[in-house]
Amino acid sequence: MTIGLDWLPQTAFLYLIVFARVGSMLMLMPALGETSIPARMRLSFALVFSLVLYPLLSGQLPVLPDELMAIVVLLVHEIIIGLMLGALMRFFVSAAQVAGSIIAFQIGLSAAMMADPNQGGVQGAVFGTFLSFLGVALIFATDLHHMALSAIYDSYSVFSPTDPLMAGDAAQAAIRAVTGAFTVGVQMAAPFIVFGLIFNLGMGILSRLMPALQVYFMAMPANIGVGLILFALLLAMMMGWYLTHFEAELATLRV
């Protein structure tokens, strides 16, 4: 009795094709691709998730090409698609950073900066870092990461490995994602924009009525205190808006 191993090259090729896209997406995906998660854990999850998707996608994937260059082209094709979709998901959650920067500026804490692990360790406003962490925690708490994983599977119905890259559509999707994130970030911080306008207008009128009064030293503590109270009262509303935006944007990646 002999056992043939002719199926091994085709199986290894299909698994590598799946891992190229899944690994690229998980490298940039919010919540699951954060730099605070050890690289080995992310790599292990990508390998296991690729193994789960393999039997579901094997019928949609191309056969093993005869030429090495064709294999390399397919791998690069899948990596580019994975990076593109992962970057789009990363754009979706950048609304928290936009809102945090606006809030910090309006209440006078824009100079308070700290490293944001969710943005690669770059310096960001404290409010933006807090909202980013809270957003990631809520994504896991509300099981929206399941929807993101489902979007990886559904991406094969939209972006087939055998179809050419749609660079123009990808650029338009990126522009829409950035525009949507900025819009939602401004909407989340809209009460603080109104508060800042009214507060600064009041302080300006007070300084004109009482020139001898040190308005700046009175305004800063009041601005920060009222801003923090307003932030605590509106936090639930802002994060609800954030999660609704993230879910709606993820739905656009699914069939």
Protein backbone atom coordinates (compact mmCIF):
# COMPACT_ATOMS: atom_id res chain seq x y z
CA MET A 1 0.00 0.00 0.00
CA THR A 2 1.43 3.35 -1.05
CA ILE A 3 0.36 6.84 -0.01
CA GLY A 4 0.73 9.60 -2.56
CA LEU A 5 2.03 13.01 -1.52
CA ASP A 6 1.17 14.84 -4.72
CA TRP A 7 -1.32 16.95 -2.82
CA LEU A 8 1.31 18.53 -0.55
CA PRO A 9 2.62 21.26 -2.92
CA GLN A 10 -0.89 22.43 -3.79
CA THR A 11 -1.97 22.42 -0.13
CA ALA A 12 1.13 24.31 0.99
CA PHE A 13 0.65 26.86 -1.80
CA LEU A 14 -3.02 27.50 -0.93
CA TYR A 15 -2.23 27.84 2.77
CA LEU A 16 0.57 30.30 2.00
CA ILE A 17 -1.78 32.34 -0.19
CA VAL A 18 -4.37 32.52 2.59
CA PHE A 19 -1.74 33.39 5.21
CA ALA A 20 -0.32 36.19 3.04
CA ARG A 21 -3.63 38.09 3.10
CA VAL A 22 -4.68 37.17 6.64
CA GLY A 23 -1.30 37.97 8.15
CA SER A 24 -1.10 41.32 6.36
CA MET A 25 -4.58 42.32 7.52
CA LEU A 26 -4.02 41.24 11.13
CA MET A 27 -0.78 43.22 11.22
CA LEU A 28 -2.74 46.47 10.78
CA MET A 29 -6.20 45.52 12.06
CA PRO A 30 -7.38 47.46 15.13
CA ALA A 31 -7.84 45.56 18.39
CA LEU A 32 -6.19 42.36 17.08
CA GLY A 33 -3.15 43.99 15.49
CA GLU A 34 -2.09 46.39 18.24
CA THR A 35 1.62 46.68 18.93
CA SER A 36 0.90 46.11 22.62
CA ILE A 37 0.09 42.47 21.74
CA PRO A 38 3.30 40.38 21.47
CA ALA A 39 4.34 39.68 17.89
CA ARG A 40 4.49 35.93 18.52
CA MET A 41 0.88 35.89 19.68
CA ARG A 42 -0.25 37.82 16.62
CA LEU A 43 1.73 35.53 14.33
CA SER A 44 0.34 32.42 16.01
CA PHE A 45 -3.20 33.74 15.72
CA ALA A 46 -2.68 34.52 12.03
CA LEU A 47 -1.36 31.00 11.38
CA VAL A 48 -4.26 29.36 13.23
CA PHE A 49 -6.88 31.61 11.63
CA SER A 50 -5.42 30.88 8.19
CA LEU A 51 -5.76 27.18 8.96
CA VAL A 52 -9.42 27.73 9.87
CA LEU A 53 -10.10 29.63 6.65
CA TYR A 54 -8.23 27.20 4.41
CA PRO A 55 -10.99 24.56 3.98
CA LEU A 56 -13.59 27.32 3.48
CA LEU A 57 -11.60 29.09 0.76
CA SER A 58 -9.78 26.26 -1.00
CA GLY A 59 -12.41 26.13 -3.74
CA GLN A 60 -12.00 29.86 -4.53
CA LEU A 61 -8.20 29.87 -4.74
CA PRO A 62 -6.15 29.31 -7.91
CA VAL A 63 -4.16 26.16 -8.61
CA LEU A 64 -0.40 26.03 -8.13
CA PRO A 65 1.31 27.81 -11.07
CA ASP A 66 4.13 26.11 -12.92
CA GLU A 67 6.45 29.13 -12.78
CA LEU A 68 8.08 30.58 -9.67
CA MET A 69 7.46 34.16 -10.80
CA ALA A 70 3.72 33.51 -11.02
CA ILE A 71 3.75 32.28 -7.41
CA VAL A 72 5.62 35.40 -6.28
CA VAL A 73 3.15 37.64 -8.14
CA LEU A 74 0.20 35.96 -6.41
CA LEU A 75 1.85 36.33 -2.99
CA VAL A 76 2.58 40.02 -3.56
CA HIS A 77 -0.98 40.49 -4.81
CA GLU A 78 -2.43 38.99 -1.62
CA ILE A 79 -0.07 40.93 0.64
CA ILE A 80 -1.06 44.22 -1.00
CA ILE A 81 -4.76 43.43 -0.62
CA GLY A 82 -4.23 42.50 3.04
CA LEU A 83 -2.31 45.71 3.76
CA MET A 84 -4.93 47.76 1.94
CA LEU A 85 -7.87 46.30 3.89
CA GLY A 86 -5.98 46.41 7.18
CA ALA A 87 -5.13 50.08 6.64
CA LEU A 88 -8.78 50.82 5.90
CA MET A 89 -9.79 49.25 9.21
CA ARG A 90 -7.08 51.28 10.94
CA PHE A 91 -8.50 54.44 9.39
CA PHE A 92 -11.93 53.55 10.77
CA VAL A 93 -10.75 53.77 14.40
CA SER A 94 -8.73 56.97 13.95
CA ALA A 95 -11.87 58.95 14.82
CA ALA A 96 -10.98 58.54 18.50
CA GLN A 97 -7.62 60.29 17.95
CA VAL A 98 -9.31 63.14 16.07
CA ALA A 99 -11.90 63.60 18.82
CA GLY A 100 -9.27 63.41 21.56
CA SER A 101 -7.06 66.04 19.91
CA ILE A 102 -10.00 68.45 19.51
CA ILE A 103 -11.16 67.91 23.09
CA ALA A 104 -7.66 68.43 24.48
CA PHE A 105 -7.29 71.66 22.50
CA GLN A 106 -10.66 73.04 23.59
CA ILE A 107 -10.15 72.49 27.31
CA GLY A 108 -6.53 73.62 27.37
CA LEU A 109 -4.72 70.28 27.70
CA SER A 110 -3.29 70.03 24.21
CA ALA A 111 0.25 70.24 25.63
CA ALA A 112 -0.32 67.12 27.75
CA MET A 113 1.16 64.41 25.49
CA MET A 114 1.96 60.75 25.99
CA ALA A 115 2.99 57.78 23.87
CA ASP A 116 0.05 56.02 22.23
CA PRO A 117 0.72 52.27 21.74
CA ASN A 118 -2.28 52.03 19.42
CA GLN A 119 -0.60 54.45 17.01
CA GLY A 120 2.83 52.86 16.99
CA GLY A 121 4.11 54.63 20.09
CA VAL A 122 3.95 58.15 18.64
CA GLN A 123 3.14 61.10 20.89
CA GLY A 124 -0.52 61.98 21.09
CA ALA A 125 -2.95 63.91 23.26
CA VAL A 126 -3.87 62.22 26.53
CA PHE A 127 -7.56 62.29 25.65
CA GLY A 128 -6.88 60.69 22.28
CA THR A 129 -4.84 57.91 23.87
CA PHE A 130 -7.55 57.28 26.45
CA LEU A 131 -10.30 57.17 23.82
CA SER A 132 -8.20 54.83 21.65
CA PHE A 133 -7.70 52.39 24.52
CA LEU A 134 -11.36 52.61 25.48
CA GLY A 135 -12.40 52.05 21.88
CA VAL A 136 -10.28 48.90 21.61
CA ALA A 137 -11.70 47.60 24.90
CA LEU A 138 -15.26 48.24 23.71
CA ILE A 139 -14.57 46.52 20.39
CA PHE A 140 -13.71 43.34 22.30
CA ALA A 141 -16.52 43.82 24.85
CA THR A 142 -19.17 44.17 22.12
CA ASP A 143 -17.71 41.33 19.98
CA LEU A 144 -17.15 43.64 17.01
CA HIS A 145 -13.83 41.88 16.45
CA HIS A 146 -15.91 38.90 15.27
CA MET A 147 -17.32 41.14 12.57
CA ALA A 148 -13.79 42.14 11.58
CA LEU A 149 -12.75 38.50 11.29
CA SER A 150 -15.84 37.82 9.20
CA ALA A 151 -14.83 40.69 6.93
CA ILE A 152 -11.53 38.88 6.24
CA TYR A 153 -13.44 35.86 4.96
CA ASP A 154 -15.86 37.99 2.96
CA SER A 155 -12.99 39.89 1.35
CA TYR A 156 -12.32 36.89 -0.89
CA SER A 157 -15.73 37.36 -2.50
CA VAL A 158 -14.87 40.97 -3.35
CA PHE A 159 -11.11 40.75 -4.00
CA SER A 160 -10.40 37.46 -5.73
CA PRO A 161 -6.72 36.38 -5.86
CA THR A 162 -7.00 36.04 -9.63
CA ASP A 163 -8.46 39.52 -10.26
CA PRO A 164 -6.17 42.50 -10.92
CA LEU A 165 -5.60 45.06 -8.20
CA MET A 166 -8.15 47.88 -8.13
CA ALA A 167 -5.84 50.74 -7.20
CA GLY A 168 -8.36 53.44 -8.08
CA ASP A 169 -11.13 51.90 -5.99
CA ALA A 170 -8.70 51.37 -3.11
CA ALA A 171 -7.67 55.04 -3.20
CA GLN A 172 -11.31 56.15 -3.18
CA ALA A 173 -12.08 53.80 -0.28
CA ALA A 174 -9.12 55.20 1.68
CA ILE A 175 -10.31 58.76 1.06
CA ARG A 176 -13.83 57.88 2.20
CA ALA A 177 -12.46 56.14 5.31
CA VAL A 178 -10.28 59.11 6.30
CA THR A 179 -13.11 61.56 5.60
CA GLY A 180 -15.58 59.49 7.61
CA ALA A 181 -13.18 59.16 10.55
CA PHE A 182 -12.55 62.92 10.60
CA THR A 183 -16.28 63.65 10.38
CA VAL A 184 -17.15 61.29 13.22
CA GLY A 185 -14.25 62.62 15.31
CA VAL A 186 -15.55 66.18 14.93
CA GLN A 187 -19.08 65.03 15.74
CA MET A 188 -17.84 63.29 18.90
CA ALA A 189 -16.08 66.49 19.99
CA ALA A 190 -18.86 68.87 18.85
CA PRO A 191 -20.08 69.69 22.40
CA PHE A 192 -16.55 70.68 23.38
CA ILE A 193 -16.24 72.93 20.33
CA VAL A 194 -19.42 74.72 21.38
CA PHE A 195 -18.22 74.87 24.97
CA GLY A 196 -14.88 76.32 23.90
CA LEU A 197 -16.52 79.03 21.79
CA ILE A 198 -18.92 80.07 24.56
CA PHE A 199 -16.29 79.92 27.31
CA ASN A 200 -13.67 81.91 25.40
CA LEU A 201 -16.29 84.44 24.32
CA GLY A 202 -17.33 84.90 27.94
CA MET A 203 -13.75 85.29 29.08
CA GLY A 204 -13.12 87.84 26.33
CA ILE A 205 -16.13 89.91 27.39
CA LEU A 206 -15.06 89.66 31.04
CA SER A 207 -11.56 90.87 30.22
CA ARG A 208 -12.99 93.89 28.43
CA LEU A 209 -15.32 94.71 31.32
CA MET A 210 -12.62 94.23 33.98
CA PRO A 211 -9.20 95.01 32.45
CA ALA A 212 -7.42 94.74 35.79
CA LEU A 213 -8.64 91.19 36.33
CA GLN A 214 -6.18 88.39 35.53
CA VAL A 215 -8.62 86.51 33.33
CA TYR A 216 -6.10 83.92 32.11
CA PHE A 217 -5.28 82.63 35.60
CA MET A 218 -8.98 82.35 36.38
CA ALA A 219 -9.99 80.88 33.04
CA MET A 220 -7.50 78.00 32.80
CA PRO A 221 -8.53 76.11 35.97
CA ALA A 222 -12.21 76.71 35.21
CA ASN A 223 -11.77 75.63 31.58
CA ILE A 224 -10.05 72.38 32.58
CA GLY A 225 -12.47 71.62 35.42
CA VAL A 226 -15.64 72.21 33.42
CA GLY A 227 -14.13 70.38 30.45
CA LEU A 228 -13.38 67.28 32.53
CA ILE A 229 -16.91 67.28 33.95
CA LEU A 230 -18.33 67.62 30.45
CA PHE A 231 -16.06 64.82 29.24
CA ALA A 232 -17.31 62.50 32.00
CA LEU A 233 -20.95 63.28 31.21
CA LEU A 234 -20.61 62.79 27.45
CA LEU A 235 -18.21 59.83 27.37
CA ALA A 236 -20.94 57.20 26.93
CA MET A 237 -22.51 59.14 24.07
CA MET A 238 -19.18 59.63 22.31
CA MET A 239 -18.18 55.98 22.50
CA GLY A 240 -21.61 54.88 21.33
CA TRP A 241 -21.16 57.08 18.28
CA TYR A 242 -17.67 55.65 17.80
CA LEU A 243 -18.85 52.03 17.89
CA THR A 244 -21.72 52.77 15.52
CA HIS A 245 -19.27 54.29 13.05
CA PHE A 246 -16.88 51.34 13.34
CA GLU A 247 -19.67 48.81 12.80
CA ALA A 248 -21.08 50.70 9.81
CA GLU A 249 -17.67 50.97 8.17
CA LEU A 250 -16.94 47.29 8.72
CA ALA A 251 -20.25 46.47 7.05
CA THR A 252 -19.01 48.16 3.88
CA LEU A 253 -16.19 45.59 3.66
CA ARG A 254 -18.57 42.69 3.87
CA VAL A 255 -20.78 41.21 1.19
